[in-house]
Amino acid sequence: MTAKSGRSASMPAVGLPSPLVTVYIPVYNGSAFLYEALDSIAAQSMVDWECLLIDDASTDQCLDIVECDARVRVLQQPVNMNVANASNVAIRAAHGKYLARLDQDDIAAPTRLAEQVDFLERHPEVDVCSGAMQLFGEASHVWSLPTTDAEIKANLIAALENIANPDSMSCGGIRS
């Protein structure tokens, strides 16, 4: 992936067009799993992406594992501000039409970005999509979320989760 870049967070890499998807990964002391998360983005079937690592003042050496790739930018917070603030930093710095989140301890399926972009392109009335998550390790199972309009509305009324944040992608309406 990449080492810390000297580029401005708001400027795309020289000579690179704006990507279709910005994947952002909030990072805080992520050395245990960050390599696998980054590797899963590098292995995507769709290659038109950039990745923003939002380092939330990590105290471990998690960024030392990051290798060079012009599509990856590291943005470092001077102090730990939490994942919500890191997400806001990513939204402001993103260059992609679509914004995808991945947690530092998650692995994206190789076709995740392609499938989500395809869905959003075919459904312009939809602003956010997500997918099922397969948990691994000690709690290995598939976590599925509602897929129909009626199921999603029922979950909203019951205040249940409809979107798996680490597997979400959004477009339009998220930027001012």
C-alpha atoms as a PDB file:
ATOM      1  CA  MET A   1       0.000   0.000   0.000  1.00  0.00           C
ATOM      2  CA  THR A   2       1.735   3.291   0.937  1.00  0.00           C
ATOM      3  CA  ALA A   3       4.020   5.121   3.266  1.00  0.00           C
ATOM      4  CA  LYS A   4       3.087   8.581   4.462  1.00  0.00           C
ATOM      5  CA  SER A   5       2.612  10.860   1.502  1.00  0.00           C
ATOM      6  CA  GLY A   6       3.864  14.427   1.315  1.00  0.00           C
ATOM      7  CA  ARG A   7       0.834  15.451  -0.761  1.00  0.00           C
ATOM      8  CA  SER A   8      -1.878  17.665   0.593  1.00  0.00           C
ATOM      9  CA  ALA A   9      -4.909  15.763   1.844  1.00  0.00           C
ATOM     10  CA  SER A  10      -7.137  17.786  -0.481  1.00  0.00           C
ATOM     11  CA  MET A  11      -5.123  17.329  -3.679  1.00  0.00           C
ATOM     12  CA  PRO A  12      -5.145  14.163  -5.815  1.00  0.00           C
ATOM     13  CA  ALA A  13      -1.830  12.593  -6.742  1.00  0.00           C
ATOM     14  CA  VAL A  14      -0.206  14.381  -9.675  1.00  0.00           C
ATOM     15  CA  GLY A  15      -1.135  12.697 -12.937  1.00  0.00           C
ATOM     16  CA  LEU A  16      -3.847  10.526 -11.381  1.00  0.00           C
ATOM     17  CA  PRO A  17      -7.497  11.152 -12.309  1.00  0.00           C
ATOM     18  CA  SER A  18     -10.100  11.295  -9.564  1.00  0.00           C
ATOM     19  CA  PRO A  19     -11.018   7.751  -8.554  1.00  0.00           C
ATOM     20  CA  LEU A  20     -14.513   6.325  -8.777  1.00  0.00           C
ATOM     21  CA  VAL A  21     -14.372   5.081  -5.164  1.00  0.00           C
ATOM     22  CA  THR A  22     -12.672   6.408  -2.067  1.00  0.00           C
ATOM     23  CA  VAL A  23     -12.215   3.678   0.533  1.00  0.00           C
ATOM     24  CA  TYR A  24     -11.486   5.054   3.963  1.00  0.00           C
ATOM     25  CA  ILE A  25     -10.115   3.175   6.925  1.00  0.00           C
ATOM     26  CA  PRO A  26     -10.147   4.813  10.365  1.00  0.00           C
ATOM     27  CA  VAL A  27      -7.028   3.540  12.152  1.00  0.00           C
ATOM     28  CA  TYR A  28      -6.109   3.550  15.810  1.00  0.00           C
ATOM     29  CA  ASN A  29      -3.383   1.153  16.952  1.00  0.00           C
ATOM     30  CA  GLY A  30      -4.312  -1.204  14.134  1.00  0.00           C
ATOM     31  CA  SER A  31      -1.085  -3.153  13.714  1.00  0.00           C
ATOM     32  CA  ALA A  32      -2.760  -6.513  14.433  1.00  0.00           C
ATOM     33  CA  PHE A  33      -5.028  -6.482  11.354  1.00  0.00           C
ATOM     34  CA  LEU A  34      -4.330  -3.419   9.192  1.00  0.00           C
ATOM     35  CA  TYR A  35      -2.130  -5.281   6.710  1.00  0.00           C
ATOM     36  CA  GLU A  36      -4.959  -7.731   5.907  1.00  0.00           C
ATOM     37  CA  ALA A  37      -7.468  -4.895   5.532  1.00  0.00           C
ATOM     38  CA  LEU A  38      -5.185  -3.026   3.113  1.00  0.00           C
ATOM     39  CA  ASP A  39      -4.352  -6.203   1.224  1.00  0.00           C
ATOM     40  CA  SER A  40      -8.072  -6.849   0.692  1.00  0.00           C
ATOM     41  CA  ILE A  41      -8.442  -3.411  -0.913  1.00  0.00           C
ATOM     42  CA  ALA A  42      -5.396  -3.949  -3.120  1.00  0.00           C
ATOM     43  CA  ALA A  43      -6.941  -7.260  -4.262  1.00  0.00           C
ATOM     44  CA  GLN A  44     -10.220  -5.691  -5.431  1.00  0.00           C
ATOM     45  CA  SER A  45     -11.434  -6.686  -8.902  1.00  0.00           C
ATOM     46  CA  MET A  46     -12.208  -2.993  -9.508  1.00  0.00           C
ATOM     47  CA  VAL A  47      -9.022  -0.923  -9.602  1.00  0.00           C
ATOM     48  CA  ASP A  48     -10.486   2.603  -9.832  1.00  0.00           C
ATOM     49  CA  TRP A  49     -10.136   3.468  -6.142  1.00  0.00           C
ATOM     50  CA  GLU A  50      -8.138   5.487  -3.671  1.00  0.00           C
ATOM     51  CA  CYS A  51      -7.677   4.545  -0.036  1.00  0.00           C
ATOM     52  CA  LEU A  52      -7.509   7.019   2.829  1.00  0.00           C
ATOM     53  CA  LEU A  53      -5.983   5.811   6.073  1.00  0.00           C
ATOM     54  CA  ILE A  54      -7.128   8.177   8.782  1.00  0.00           C
ATOM     55  CA  ASP A  55      -4.626   7.602  11.595  1.00  0.00           C
ATOM     56  CA  ASP A  56      -6.250   8.725  14.830  1.00  0.00           C
ATOM     57  CA  ALA A  57      -2.991   9.387  16.712  1.00  0.00           C
ATOM     58  CA  SER A  58      -1.946   5.730  16.956  1.00  0.00           C
ATOM     59  CA  THR A  59       0.715   4.899  19.500  1.00  0.00           C
ATOM     60  CA  ASP A  60       1.703   1.562  17.967  1.00  0.00           C
ATOM     61  CA  GLN A  61       3.714   1.132  14.764  1.00  0.00           C
ATOM     62  CA  CYS A  62       0.692   0.284  12.595  1.00  0.00           C
ATOM     63  CA  LEU A  63       1.654   2.603   9.741  1.00  0.00           C
ATOM     64  CA  ASP A  64       5.088   0.976   9.430  1.00  0.00           C
ATOM     65  CA  ILE A  65       3.503  -1.962   7.581  1.00  0.00           C
ATOM     66  CA  VAL A  66       2.123   0.224   4.807  1.00  0.00           C
ATOM     67  CA  GLU A  67       3.966  -0.087   1.468  1.00  0.00           C
ATOM     68  CA  CYS A  68       4.033   2.248  -1.541  1.00  0.00           C
ATOM     69  CA  ASP A  69       0.931   2.610  -3.722  1.00  0.00           C
ATOM     70  CA  ALA A  70       0.056   6.000  -5.219  1.00  0.00           C
ATOM     71  CA  ARG A  71      -3.649   5.344  -4.590  1.00  0.00           C
ATOM     72  CA  VAL A  72      -3.212   5.395  -0.807  1.00  0.00           C
ATOM     73  CA  ARG A  73      -2.973   8.490   1.357  1.00  0.00           C
ATOM     74  CA  VAL A  74      -2.288   8.610   5.071  1.00  0.00           C
ATOM     75  CA  LEU A  75      -3.894  11.470   6.987  1.00  0.00           C
ATOM     76  CA  GLN A  76      -2.704  11.761  10.573  1.00  0.00           C
ATOM     77  CA  GLN A  77      -4.727  13.275  13.372  1.00  0.00           C
ATOM     78  CA  PRO A  78      -2.561  15.142  15.915  1.00  0.00           C
ATOM     79  CA  VAL A  79      -4.634  13.748  18.802  1.00  0.00           C
ATOM     80  CA  ASN A  80      -7.079  10.874  19.163  1.00  0.00           C
ATOM     81  CA  MET A  81     -10.467  12.260  18.136  1.00  0.00           C
ATOM     82  CA  ASN A  82     -12.531   9.005  17.708  1.00  0.00           C
ATOM     83  CA  VAL A  83     -13.836   7.134  14.693  1.00  0.00           C
ATOM     84  CA  ALA A  84     -16.665   9.584  13.966  1.00  0.00           C
ATOM     85  CA  ASN A  85     -14.212  12.465  13.618  1.00  0.00           C
ATOM     86  CA  ALA A  86     -11.915  10.304  11.482  1.00  0.00           C
ATOM     87  CA  SER A  87     -14.887   9.593   9.221  1.00  0.00           C
ATOM     88  CA  ASN A  88     -15.555  13.315   8.841  1.00  0.00           C
ATOM     89  CA  VAL A  89     -11.911  13.885   7.911  1.00  0.00           C
ATOM     90  CA  ALA A  90     -12.232  11.176   5.241  1.00  0.00           C
ATOM     91  CA  ILE A  91     -15.426  12.669   3.809  1.00  0.00           C
ATOM     92  CA  ARG A  92     -13.721  16.070   3.405  1.00  0.00           C
ATOM     93  CA  ALA A  93     -10.573  14.567   1.840  1.00  0.00           C
ATOM     94  CA  ALA A  94     -12.239  12.029  -0.474  1.00  0.00           C
ATOM     95  CA  HIS A  95     -11.914  12.427  -4.237  1.00  0.00           C
ATOM     96  CA  GLY A  96     -14.167   9.545  -5.311  1.00  0.00           C
ATOM     97  CA  LYS A  97     -17.758   9.685  -6.524  1.00  0.00           C
ATOM     98  CA  TYR A  98     -18.509   6.932  -4.011  1.00  0.00           C
ATOM     99  CA  LEU A  99     -17.304   6.630  -0.429  1.00  0.00           C
ATOM    100  CA  ALA A 100     -16.737   3.167   1.053  1.00  0.00           C
ATOM    101  CA  ARG A 101     -15.825   2.434   4.639  1.00  0.00           C
ATOM    102  CA  LEU A 102     -13.690  -0.418   5.880  1.00  0.00           C
ATOM    103  CA  ASP A 103     -12.654  -0.947   9.482  1.00  0.00           C
ATOM    104  CA  GLN A 104      -9.005  -1.624  10.274  1.00  0.00           C
ATOM    105  CA  ASP A 105      -9.812  -5.165  11.378  1.00  0.00           C
ATOM    106  CA  ASP A 106     -12.022  -6.098   8.420  1.00  0.00           C
ATOM    107  CA  ILE A 107     -11.356  -7.807   5.105  1.00  0.00           C
ATOM    108  CA  ALA A 108     -13.289  -6.780   1.986  1.00  0.00           C
ATOM    109  CA  ALA A 109     -14.425  -9.511  -0.393  1.00  0.00           C
ATOM    110  CA  PRO A 110     -12.557  -9.190  -3.724  1.00  0.00           C
ATOM    111  CA  THR A 111     -15.666  -8.018  -5.602  1.00  0.00           C
ATOM    112  CA  ARG A 112     -17.101  -5.764  -2.884  1.00  0.00           C
ATOM    113  CA  LEU A 113     -16.354  -2.414  -4.547  1.00  0.00           C
ATOM    114  CA  ALA A 114     -17.381  -3.588  -8.032  1.00  0.00           C
ATOM    115  CA  GLU A 115     -20.670  -5.029  -6.798  1.00  0.00           C
ATOM    116  CA  GLN A 116     -21.591  -1.996  -4.705  1.00  0.00           C
ATOM    117  CA  VAL A 117     -20.718   0.474  -7.484  1.00  0.00           C
ATOM    118  CA  ASP A 118     -22.708  -1.613  -9.975  1.00  0.00           C
ATOM    119  CA  PHE A 119     -25.708  -1.599  -7.635  1.00  0.00           C
ATOM    120  CA  LEU A 120     -25.549   2.161  -7.006  1.00  0.00           C
ATOM    121  CA  GLU A 121     -25.085   2.914 -10.714  1.00  0.00           C
ATOM    122  CA  ARG A 122     -28.158   0.797 -11.583  1.00  0.00           C
ATOM    123  CA  HIS A 123     -30.204   2.342  -8.749  1.00  0.00           C
ATOM    124  CA  PRO A 124     -29.692   6.121  -8.781  1.00  0.00           C
ATOM    125  CA  GLU A 125     -32.544   6.503  -6.289  1.00  0.00           C
ATOM    126  CA  VAL A 126     -30.396   4.753  -3.654  1.00  0.00           C
ATOM    127  CA  ASP A 127     -27.786   6.779  -1.748  1.00  0.00           C
ATOM    128  CA  VAL A 128     -26.346   4.116   0.592  1.00  0.00           C
ATOM    129  CA  CYS A 129     -25.848   0.386   0.312  1.00  0.00           C
ATOM    130  CA  SER A 130     -24.273  -2.268   2.446  1.00  0.00           C
ATOM    131  CA  GLY A 131     -23.850  -6.007   2.439  1.00  0.00           C
ATOM    132  CA  ALA A 132     -23.728  -9.031   4.655  1.00  0.00           C
ATOM    133  CA  MET A 133     -20.656  -9.515   6.807  1.00  0.00           C
ATOM    134  CA  GLN A 134     -18.971 -12.813   7.471  1.00  0.00           C
ATOM    135  CA  LEU A 135     -17.435 -12.765  10.918  1.00  0.00           C
ATOM    136  CA  PHE A 136     -14.297 -14.785  11.463  1.00  0.00           C
ATOM    137  CA  GLY A 137     -12.163 -15.825  14.391  1.00  0.00           C
ATOM    138  CA  GLU A 138     -13.910 -16.905  17.579  1.00  0.00           C
ATOM    139  CA  ALA A 139     -17.336 -15.627  16.451  1.00  0.00           C
ATOM    140  CA  SER A 140     -17.512 -17.099  12.950  1.00  0.00           C
ATOM    141  CA  HIS A 141     -20.911 -16.590  11.293  1.00  0.00           C
ATOM    142  CA  VAL A 142     -22.607 -14.527   8.572  1.00  0.00           C
ATOM    143  CA  TRP A 143     -24.360 -11.363   9.740  1.00  0.00           C
ATOM    144  CA  SER A 144     -27.103 -10.517   7.248  1.00  0.00           C
ATOM    145  CA  LEU A 145     -29.101  -7.321   7.216  1.00  0.00           C
ATOM    146  CA  PRO A 146     -32.528  -6.570   5.728  1.00  0.00           C
ATOM    147  CA  THR A 147     -32.694  -6.275   1.952  1.00  0.00           C
ATOM    148  CA  THR A 148     -36.292  -5.318   1.166  1.00  0.00           C
ATOM    149  CA  ASP A 149     -37.917  -1.940   1.611  1.00  0.00           C
ATOM    150  CA  ALA A 150     -40.424  -3.387   4.110  1.00  0.00           C
ATOM    151  CA  GLU A 151     -37.696  -5.052   6.208  1.00  0.00           C
ATOM    152  CA  ILE A 152     -35.599  -1.875   6.275  1.00  0.00           C
ATOM    153  CA  LYS A 153     -38.607   0.246   7.327  1.00  0.00           C
ATOM    154  CA  ALA A 154     -39.527  -2.261  10.050  1.00  0.00           C
ATOM    155  CA  ASN A 155     -35.970  -2.114  11.385  1.00  0.00           C
ATOM    156  CA  LEU A 156     -36.066   1.693  11.373  1.00  0.00           C
ATOM    157  CA  ILE A 157     -39.278   1.673  13.410  1.00  0.00           C
ATOM    158  CA  ALA A 158     -37.787  -0.858  15.841  1.00  0.00           C
ATOM    159  CA  ALA A 159     -34.508   1.102  16.005  1.00  0.00           C
ATOM    160  CA  LEU A 160     -32.565  -1.892  14.701  1.00  0.00           C
ATOM    161  CA  GLU A 161     -29.497  -1.735  12.500  1.00  0.00           C
ATOM    162  CA  ASN A 162     -29.944  -1.537   8.725  1.00  0.00           C
ATOM    163  CA  ILE A 163     -26.425  -0.698   7.550  1.00  0.00           C
ATOM    164  CA  ALA A 164     -23.225  -2.501   8.434  1.00  0.00           C
ATOM    165  CA  ASN A 165     -20.869   0.488   8.689  1.00  0.00           C
ATOM    166  CA  PRO A 166     -17.706  -1.441   7.826  1.00  0.00           C
ATOM    167  CA  ASP A 167     -19.353  -2.666   4.619  1.00  0.00           C
ATOM    168  CA  SER A 168     -21.172   0.500   3.583  1.00  0.00           C
ATOM    169  CA  MET A 169     -20.829   2.604   0.446  1.00  0.00           C
ATOM    170  CA  SER A 170     -22.545   5.923  -0.143  1.00  0.00           C
ATOM    171  CA  CYS A 171     -22.942   8.469  -2.885  1.00  0.00           C
ATOM    172  CA  GLY A 172     -24.558  11.850  -3.327  1.00  0.00           C
ATOM    173  CA  GLY A 173     -26.119  13.681  -0.421  1.00  0.00           C
ATOM    174  CA  ILE A 174     -23.221  13.117   1.988  1.00  0.00           C
ATOM    175  CA  ARG A 175     -21.279  16.218   1.097  1.00  0.00           C
ATOM    176  CA  SER A 176     -22.407  19.785   1.530  1.00  0.00           C
END
